[in-house]
């Protein structure tokens, strides 16, 4: 009682031929399994490459949007600063007609200190929350 896939070493003829046939089937079966494993591994590598490329493109898109927003904010800050500077000079000239130049500058300085105190007091509502909303919307919404 030998195993059906075992080689028969005794004698020449039909036993040797059937053993060779069985080994050929076994090798063919193992070769097919290896091909399937290689194909499966290649598909996994391709899928991972696609996911990595998608992550890179998404990061590039988000970074571009973030840098664009920062650039526009900087340009807006510069333009508003210039506007406020020239407006301040004009207001100081108007106030100076009644109080004198030194006191006009002190009044304007007091106004800016008051404005800074208000921004500092409401910094969470005016600065932190809008930035946090923008960043969370940028990175967590598709």
N, C-alpha and C. Protein backbone atom coordinates (compact mmCIF):
# COMPACT_ATOMS: atom_id res chain seq x y z
N UNK A 1 0.84 -1.16 0.00
CA UNK A 1 0.00 0.00 0.00
C UNK A 1 0.89 1.24 0.00
N UNK A 2 1.12 1.66 -1.13
CA UNK A 2 1.95 2.85 -1.24
C UNK A 2 1.06 4.05 -1.54
N UNK A 3 1.61 5.16 -1.27
CA UNK A 3 0.91 6.41 -1.52
C UNK A 3 0.77 6.60 -3.02
N UNK A 4 -0.37 7.13 -3.51
CA UNK A 4 -0.56 7.22 -4.95
C UNK A 4 0.43 8.15 -5.65
N UNK A 5 1.00 9.15 -4.91
CA UNK A 5 1.92 10.10 -5.54
C UNK A 5 3.38 9.73 -5.29
N UNK A 6 3.63 8.60 -4.64
CA UNK A 6 5.00 8.20 -4.32
C UNK A 6 5.68 7.65 -5.56
N UNK A 7 7.00 7.78 -5.57
CA UNK A 7 7.78 7.22 -6.68
C UNK A 7 7.95 5.73 -6.46
N UNK A 8 7.93 4.99 -7.53
CA UNK A 8 8.17 3.56 -7.46
C UNK A 8 9.55 3.32 -8.04
N UNK A 9 10.47 2.95 -7.18
CA UNK A 9 11.84 2.79 -7.60
C UNK A 9 12.15 1.36 -8.05
N UNK A 10 11.33 0.46 -7.73
CA UNK A 10 11.60 -0.93 -8.08
C UNK A 10 11.13 -1.18 -9.49
N UNK A 11 11.99 -1.70 -10.29
CA UNK A 11 11.64 -2.12 -11.63
C UNK A 11 11.66 -0.97 -12.60
N UNK A 12 11.65 -1.36 -13.84
CA UNK A 12 11.61 -0.40 -14.91
C UNK A 12 10.27 -0.51 -15.57
N UNK A 13 9.90 0.45 -16.27
CA UNK A 13 8.66 0.35 -17.02
C UNK A 13 7.61 1.30 -16.53
N UNK A 14 6.38 0.74 -16.34
CA UNK A 14 5.20 1.56 -16.06
C UNK A 14 5.30 2.28 -14.73
N UNK A 15 5.89 1.68 -13.71
CA UNK A 15 5.99 2.32 -12.40
C UNK A 15 6.84 3.58 -12.46
N UNK A 16 7.93 3.53 -13.18
CA UNK A 16 8.81 4.67 -13.30
C UNK A 16 8.15 5.78 -14.09
N UNK A 17 7.42 5.41 -15.12
CA UNK A 17 6.73 6.41 -15.93
C UNK A 17 5.64 7.12 -15.13
N UNK A 18 4.88 6.36 -14.34
CA UNK A 18 3.82 7.00 -13.55
C UNK A 18 4.42 7.87 -12.46
N UNK A 19 5.56 7.52 -11.92
CA UNK A 19 6.23 8.35 -10.91
C UNK A 19 6.71 9.65 -11.52
N UNK A 20 7.25 9.60 -12.73
CA UNK A 20 7.69 10.81 -13.41
C UNK A 20 6.49 11.71 -13.73
N UNK A 21 5.39 11.10 -14.14
CA UNK A 21 4.19 11.87 -14.43
C UNK A 21 3.69 12.58 -13.18
N UNK A 22 3.67 11.82 -12.08
CA UNK A 22 3.20 12.41 -10.82
C UNK A 22 4.12 13.55 -10.37
N UNK A 23 5.41 13.40 -10.53
CA UNK A 23 6.32 14.48 -10.13
C UNK A 23 6.14 15.69 -11.04
N UNK A 24 5.87 15.47 -12.30
CA UNK A 24 5.62 16.58 -13.23
C UNK A 24 4.36 17.34 -12.83
N UNK A 25 3.32 16.62 -12.42
CA UNK A 25 2.08 17.25 -11.97
C UNK A 25 2.33 18.05 -10.71
N UNK A 26 3.11 17.48 -9.79
CA UNK A 26 3.42 18.17 -8.54
C UNK A 26 4.23 19.45 -8.82
N UNK A 27 5.21 19.36 -9.67
CA UNK A 27 6.02 20.54 -10.02
C UNK A 27 5.17 21.58 -10.71
N UNK A 28 4.29 21.14 -11.60
CA UNK A 28 3.39 22.06 -12.29
C UNK A 28 2.46 22.75 -11.30
N UNK A 29 1.95 21.98 -10.32
CA UNK A 29 1.06 22.53 -9.30
C UNK A 29 1.81 23.58 -8.46
N UNK A 30 3.04 23.27 -8.06
CA UNK A 30 3.84 24.20 -7.26
C UNK A 30 4.18 25.44 -8.08
N UNK A 31 4.47 25.27 -9.35
CA UNK A 31 4.77 26.40 -10.23
C UNK A 31 3.56 27.32 -10.36
N UNK A 32 2.36 26.73 -10.51
CA UNK A 32 1.14 27.54 -10.59
C UNK A 32 0.92 28.33 -9.30
N UNK A 33 1.15 27.68 -8.16
CA UNK A 33 0.98 28.38 -6.87
C UNK A 33 1.98 29.53 -6.74
N UNK A 34 3.22 29.28 -7.16
CA UNK A 34 4.22 30.35 -7.09
C UNK A 34 3.84 31.50 -8.02
N UNK A 35 3.34 31.20 -9.19
CA UNK A 35 2.89 32.24 -10.12
C UNK A 35 1.75 33.05 -9.52
N UNK A 36 0.83 32.34 -8.86
CA UNK A 36 -0.30 33.04 -8.23
C UNK A 36 0.20 33.95 -7.10
N UNK A 37 1.16 33.46 -6.32
CA UNK A 37 1.71 34.26 -5.22
C UNK A 37 2.43 35.48 -5.77
N UNK A 38 3.22 35.28 -6.83
CA UNK A 38 3.92 36.41 -7.44
C UNK A 38 2.94 37.43 -8.02
N UNK A 39 1.89 36.96 -8.65
CA UNK A 39 0.89 37.86 -9.22
C UNK A 39 0.17 38.63 -8.11
N UNK A 40 -0.16 37.92 -7.03
CA UNK A 40 -0.82 38.57 -5.90
C UNK A 40 0.10 39.62 -5.28
N UNK A 41 1.37 39.28 -5.10
CA UNK A 41 2.33 40.22 -4.54
C UNK A 41 2.51 41.44 -5.45
N UNK A 42 2.53 41.23 -6.76
CA UNK A 42 2.65 42.34 -7.71
C UNK A 42 1.43 43.25 -7.62
N UNK A 43 0.24 42.67 -7.47
CA UNK A 43 -0.96 43.49 -7.32
C UNK A 43 -0.92 44.30 -6.03
N UNK A 44 -0.44 43.70 -4.96
CA UNK A 44 -0.33 44.42 -3.68
C UNK A 44 0.65 45.58 -3.81
N UNK A 45 1.80 45.34 -4.45
CA UNK A 45 2.78 46.41 -4.64
C UNK A 45 2.20 47.52 -5.51
N UNK A 46 1.48 47.18 -6.57
CA UNK A 46 0.86 48.20 -7.42
C UNK A 46 -0.16 49.02 -6.64
N UNK A 47 -0.97 48.34 -5.83
CA UNK A 47 -1.98 49.05 -5.03
C UNK A 47 -1.31 49.99 -4.03
N UNK A 48 -0.24 49.54 -3.40
CA UNK A 48 0.47 50.40 -2.46
C UNK A 48 1.09 51.60 -3.16
N UNK A 49 1.65 51.39 -4.34
CA UNK A 49 2.21 52.51 -5.10
C UNK A 49 1.13 53.52 -5.46
N UNK A 50 -0.05 53.01 -5.84
CA UNK A 50 -1.15 53.92 -6.16
C UNK A 50 -1.58 54.73 -4.93
N UNK A 51 -1.64 54.06 -3.77
CA UNK A 51 -2.03 54.77 -2.55
C UNK A 51 -0.98 55.81 -2.17
N UNK A 52 0.29 55.47 -2.31
CA UNK A 52 1.35 56.43 -2.00
C UNK A 52 1.29 57.63 -2.95
N UNK A 53 1.09 57.36 -4.24
CA UNK A 53 0.99 58.46 -5.21
C UNK A 53 -0.22 59.33 -4.91
N UNK A 54 -1.34 58.73 -4.54
CA UNK A 54 -2.54 59.49 -4.18
C UNK A 54 -2.27 60.37 -2.97
N UNK A 55 -1.57 59.82 -1.98
CA UNK A 55 -1.23 60.60 -0.79
C UNK A 55 -0.31 61.77 -1.15
N UNK A 56 0.63 61.53 -2.05
CA UNK A 56 1.53 62.61 -2.47
C UNK A 56 0.76 63.71 -3.19
N UNK A 57 -0.14 63.34 -4.10
CA UNK A 57 -0.92 64.34 -4.82
C UNK A 57 -1.84 65.11 -3.87
N UNK A 58 -2.44 64.41 -2.93
CA UNK A 58 -3.31 65.08 -1.96
C UNK A 58 -2.51 66.05 -1.10
N UNK A 59 -1.33 65.62 -0.65
CA UNK A 59 -0.48 66.50 0.15
C UNK A 59 -0.03 67.72 -0.66
N UNK A 60 0.30 67.49 -1.93
CA UNK A 60 0.70 68.62 -2.78
C UNK A 60 -0.45 69.61 -2.96
N UNK A 61 -1.66 69.08 -3.14
CA UNK A 61 -2.83 69.94 -3.30
C UNK A 61 -3.09 70.75 -2.04
N UNK A 62 -3.04 70.09 -0.89
CA UNK A 62 -3.29 70.78 0.38
C UNK A 62 -2.20 71.82 0.66
N UNK A 63 -0.95 71.46 0.38
CA UNK A 63 0.15 72.39 0.61
C UNK A 63 0.04 73.60 -0.31
N UNK A 64 -0.35 73.38 -1.55
CA UNK A 64 -0.55 74.49 -2.49
C UNK A 64 -1.64 75.42 -1.99
N UNK A 65 -2.74 74.86 -1.54
CA UNK A 65 -3.84 75.67 -1.02
C UNK A 65 -3.40 76.44 0.22
N UNK A 66 -2.65 75.80 1.10
CA UNK A 66 -2.17 76.46 2.31
C UNK A 66 -1.21 77.60 1.98
N UNK A 67 -0.26 77.35 1.08
CA UNK A 67 0.69 78.40 0.71
C UNK A 67 0.02 79.55 -0.03
N UNK A 68 -0.99 79.24 -0.85
CA UNK A 68 -1.74 80.30 -1.53
C UNK A 68 -2.47 81.17 -0.52
N UNK A 69 -3.08 80.56 0.46
CA UNK A 69 -3.80 81.31 1.48
C UNK A 69 -2.84 82.17 2.30
N UNK A 70 -1.70 81.61 2.67
CA UNK A 70 -0.72 82.38 3.44
C UNK A 70 -0.20 83.56 2.61
N UNK A 71 0.03 83.33 1.32
CA UNK A 71 0.51 84.41 0.45
C UNK A 71 -0.52 85.52 0.34
N UNK A 72 -1.79 85.16 0.12
CA UNK A 72 -2.83 86.18 0.04
C UNK A 72 -3.00 86.91 1.36
N UNK A 73 -2.87 86.18 2.48
CA UNK A 73 -2.98 86.84 3.78
C UNK A 73 -1.84 87.83 3.98
N UNK A 74 -0.64 87.45 3.56
CA UNK A 74 0.51 88.35 3.69
C UNK A 74 0.34 89.59 2.82
N UNK A 75 -0.10 89.40 1.59
CA UNK A 75 -0.33 90.54 0.69
C UNK A 75 -1.42 91.45 1.27
N UNK A 76 -2.49 90.85 1.78
CA UNK A 76 -3.56 91.64 2.42
C UNK A 76 -3.05 92.39 3.63
N UNK A 77 -2.21 91.74 4.43
CA UNK A 77 -1.64 92.40 5.61
C UNK A 77 -0.80 93.61 5.21
N UNK A 78 0.03 93.45 4.19
CA UNK A 78 0.88 94.56 3.74
C UNK A 78 0.02 95.71 3.22
N UNK A 79 -0.99 95.40 2.41
CA UNK A 79 -1.84 96.46 1.85
C UNK A 79 -2.65 97.17 2.93
N UNK A 80 -3.19 96.40 3.86
CA UNK A 80 -3.96 97.02 4.96
C UNK A 80 -3.03 97.85 5.85
N UNK A 81 -1.81 97.37 6.07
CA UNK A 81 -0.84 98.15 6.87
C UNK A 81 -0.53 99.48 6.20
N UNK A 82 -0.30 99.46 4.90
CA UNK A 82 -0.05 100.72 4.18
C UNK A 82 -1.25 101.65 4.25
N UNK A 83 -2.46 101.08 4.08
CA UNK A 83 -3.67 101.88 4.17
C UNK A 83 -3.80 102.51 5.55
N UNK A 84 -3.59 101.70 6.58
CA UNK A 84 -3.71 102.21 7.95
C UNK A 84 -2.63 103.28 8.25
N UNK A 85 -1.45 103.10 7.71
CA UNK A 85 -0.38 104.08 7.92
C UNK A 85 -0.78 105.44 7.36
N UNK A 86 -1.20 105.43 6.10
CA UNK A 86 -1.56 106.71 5.49
C UNK A 86 -2.83 107.30 6.10
N UNK A 87 -3.77 106.47 6.47
CA UNK A 87 -4.97 106.94 7.15
C UNK A 87 -4.61 107.55 8.51
N UNK A 88 -3.68 106.93 9.20
CA UNK A 88 -3.24 107.45 10.50
C UNK A 88 -2.59 108.82 10.35
N UNK A 89 -1.77 108.95 9.34
CA UNK A 89 -1.12 110.25 9.09
C UNK A 89 -2.18 111.32 8.82
N UNK A 90 -3.19 110.98 8.02
CA UNK A 90 -4.25 111.94 7.70
C UNK A 90 -5.05 112.29 8.96
N UNK A 91 -5.36 111.30 9.77
CA UNK A 91 -6.13 111.57 11.00
C UNK A 91 -5.31 112.41 11.97
N UNK A 92 -4.01 112.11 12.08
CA UNK A 92 -3.14 112.91 12.95
C UNK A 92 -3.12 114.36 12.49
N UNK A 93 -3.05 114.61 11.21
CA UNK A 93 -3.06 116.00 10.69
C UNK A 93 -4.37 116.70 11.03
N UNK A 94 -5.47 115.95 10.94
CA UNK A 94 -6.77 116.57 11.28
C UNK A 94 -6.86 116.88 12.77
N UNK A 95 -6.40 115.95 13.61
CA UNK A 95 -6.46 116.17 15.06
C UNK A 95 -5.48 117.26 15.48
N UNK A 96 -4.36 117.36 14.78
CA UNK A 96 -3.31 118.33 15.14
C UNK A 96 -3.78 119.77 15.03
N UNK A 97 -4.77 120.04 14.20
CA UNK A 97 -5.25 121.42 14.09
C UNK A 97 -5.88 121.91 15.38
N UNK A 98 -6.41 120.98 16.18
CA UNK A 98 -7.06 121.40 17.43
C UNK A 98 -6.22 121.14 18.66
N UNK A 99 -5.33 120.16 18.64
CA UNK A 99 -4.60 119.79 19.86
C UNK A 99 -3.10 119.98 19.76
N UNK A 100 -2.58 120.14 18.62
CA UNK A 100 -1.12 120.18 18.43
C UNK A 100 -0.63 118.83 17.92
N UNK A 101 0.52 118.87 17.28
CA UNK A 101 1.03 117.68 16.62
C UNK A 101 1.39 116.57 17.61
N UNK A 102 2.05 116.89 18.71
CA UNK A 102 2.48 115.87 19.68
C UNK A 102 1.27 115.16 20.26
N UNK A 103 0.27 115.92 20.70
CA UNK A 103 -0.93 115.30 21.29
C UNK A 103 -1.71 114.52 20.25
N UNK A 104 -1.70 114.90 19.02
CA UNK A 104 -2.39 114.15 17.96
C UNK A 104 -1.75 112.77 17.80
N UNK A 105 -0.41 112.72 17.84
CA UNK A 105 0.27 111.42 17.75
C UNK A 105 -0.01 110.56 18.99
N UNK A 106 -0.07 111.17 20.18
CA UNK A 106 -0.42 110.42 21.38
C UNK A 106 -1.84 109.85 21.30
N UNK A 107 -2.76 110.65 20.79
CA UNK A 107 -4.14 110.17 20.64
C UNK A 107 -4.20 109.00 19.66
N UNK A 108 -3.48 109.12 18.55
CA UNK A 108 -3.46 108.03 17.57
C UNK A 108 -2.81 106.78 18.16
N UNK A 109 -1.75 106.96 18.92
CA UNK A 109 -1.08 105.83 19.59
C UNK A 109 -2.03 105.17 20.58
N UNK A 110 -2.78 105.99 21.33
CA UNK A 110 -3.76 105.44 22.27
C UNK A 110 -4.82 104.62 21.56
N UNK A 111 -5.26 105.10 20.40
CA UNK A 111 -6.25 104.35 19.62
C UNK A 111 -5.70 102.97 19.23
N UNK A 112 -4.43 102.92 18.80
CA UNK A 112 -3.84 101.64 18.40
C UNK A 112 -3.61 100.72 19.59
N UNK A 113 -3.27 101.26 20.74
CA UNK A 113 -3.13 100.45 21.95
C UNK A 113 -4.49 99.87 22.34
N UNK A 114 -5.55 100.69 22.26
CA UNK A 114 -6.90 100.21 22.53
C UNK A 114 -7.29 99.10 21.55
N UNK A 115 -6.98 99.30 20.27
CA UNK A 115 -7.28 98.29 19.25
C UNK A 115 -6.52 96.99 19.52
N UNK A 116 -5.26 97.09 19.93
CA UNK A 116 -4.46 95.91 20.27
C UNK A 116 -5.04 95.19 21.48
N UNK A 117 -5.51 95.94 22.48
CA UNK A 117 -6.11 95.33 23.67
C UNK A 117 -7.38 94.56 23.31
N UNK A 118 -8.19 95.13 22.42
CA UNK A 118 -9.41 94.43 21.99
C UNK A 118 -9.07 93.14 21.25
N UNK A 119 -8.10 93.20 20.34
CA UNK A 119 -7.70 92.00 19.59
C UNK A 119 -7.12 90.96 20.55
N UNK A 120 -6.33 91.40 21.53
CA UNK A 120 -5.76 90.47 22.50
C UNK A 120 -6.84 89.85 23.36
N UNK A 121 -7.84 90.63 23.76
CA UNK A 121 -8.92 90.10 24.60
C UNK A 121 -9.78 89.09 23.85
N UNK A 122 -10.00 89.31 22.57
CA UNK A 122 -10.82 88.41 21.77
C UNK A 122 -9.98 87.59 20.79
N UNK A 123 -8.74 87.28 21.18
CA UNK A 123 -7.84 86.57 20.26
C UNK A 123 -8.35 85.19 19.87
N UNK A 124 -9.05 84.52 20.78
CA UNK A 124 -9.56 83.18 20.45
C UNK A 124 -10.61 83.26 19.35
N UNK A 125 -11.53 84.20 19.47
CA UNK A 125 -12.60 84.34 18.47
C UNK A 125 -12.09 84.97 17.17
N UNK A 126 -11.13 85.89 17.26
CA UNK A 126 -10.68 86.62 16.08
C UNK A 126 -9.51 85.96 15.34
N UNK A 127 -8.67 85.21 16.07
CA UNK A 127 -7.46 84.68 15.44
C UNK A 127 -7.41 83.16 15.50
N UNK A 128 -7.50 82.59 16.68
CA UNK A 128 -7.25 81.15 16.85
C UNK A 128 -8.33 80.31 16.19
N UNK A 129 -9.61 80.60 16.47
CA UNK A 129 -10.68 79.78 15.90
C UNK A 129 -10.74 79.81 14.37
N UNK A 130 -10.62 80.97 13.73
CA UNK A 130 -10.62 80.94 12.25
C UNK A 130 -9.46 80.15 11.66
N UNK A 131 -8.28 80.26 12.26
CA UNK A 131 -7.14 79.51 11.74
C UNK A 131 -7.36 78.01 11.97
N UNK A 132 -7.86 77.64 13.14
CA UNK A 132 -8.11 76.22 13.43
C UNK A 132 -9.17 75.65 12.48
N UNK A 133 -10.24 76.42 12.22
CA UNK A 133 -11.26 75.96 11.27
C UNK A 133 -10.69 75.77 9.87
N UNK A 134 -9.87 76.74 9.44
CA UNK A 134 -9.28 76.64 8.11
C UNK A 134 -8.38 75.42 7.98
N UNK A 135 -7.50 75.21 8.97
CA UNK A 135 -6.57 74.08 8.90
C UNK A 135 -7.32 72.75 8.99
N UNK A 136 -8.30 72.65 9.88
CA UNK A 136 -9.05 71.39 9.99
C UNK A 136 -9.86 71.12 8.74
N UNK A 137 -10.45 72.16 8.15
CA UNK A 137 -11.20 71.98 6.91
C UNK A 137 -10.26 71.59 5.77
N UNK A 138 -9.07 72.15 5.78
CA UNK A 138 -8.10 71.88 4.74
C UNK A 138 -7.61 70.44 4.80
N UNK A 139 -7.30 69.94 5.98
CA UNK A 139 -6.69 68.61 6.06
C UNK A 139 -7.67 67.48 6.32
N UNK A 140 -8.86 67.76 6.84
CA UNK A 140 -9.76 66.67 7.20
C UNK A 140 -10.98 66.55 6.31
N UNK A 141 -11.25 67.52 5.45
CA UNK A 141 -12.34 67.40 4.50
C UNK A 141 -11.76 67.01 3.15
N UNK A 142 -12.42 66.07 2.45
CA UNK A 142 -11.87 65.64 1.15
C UNK A 142 -11.96 66.69 0.08
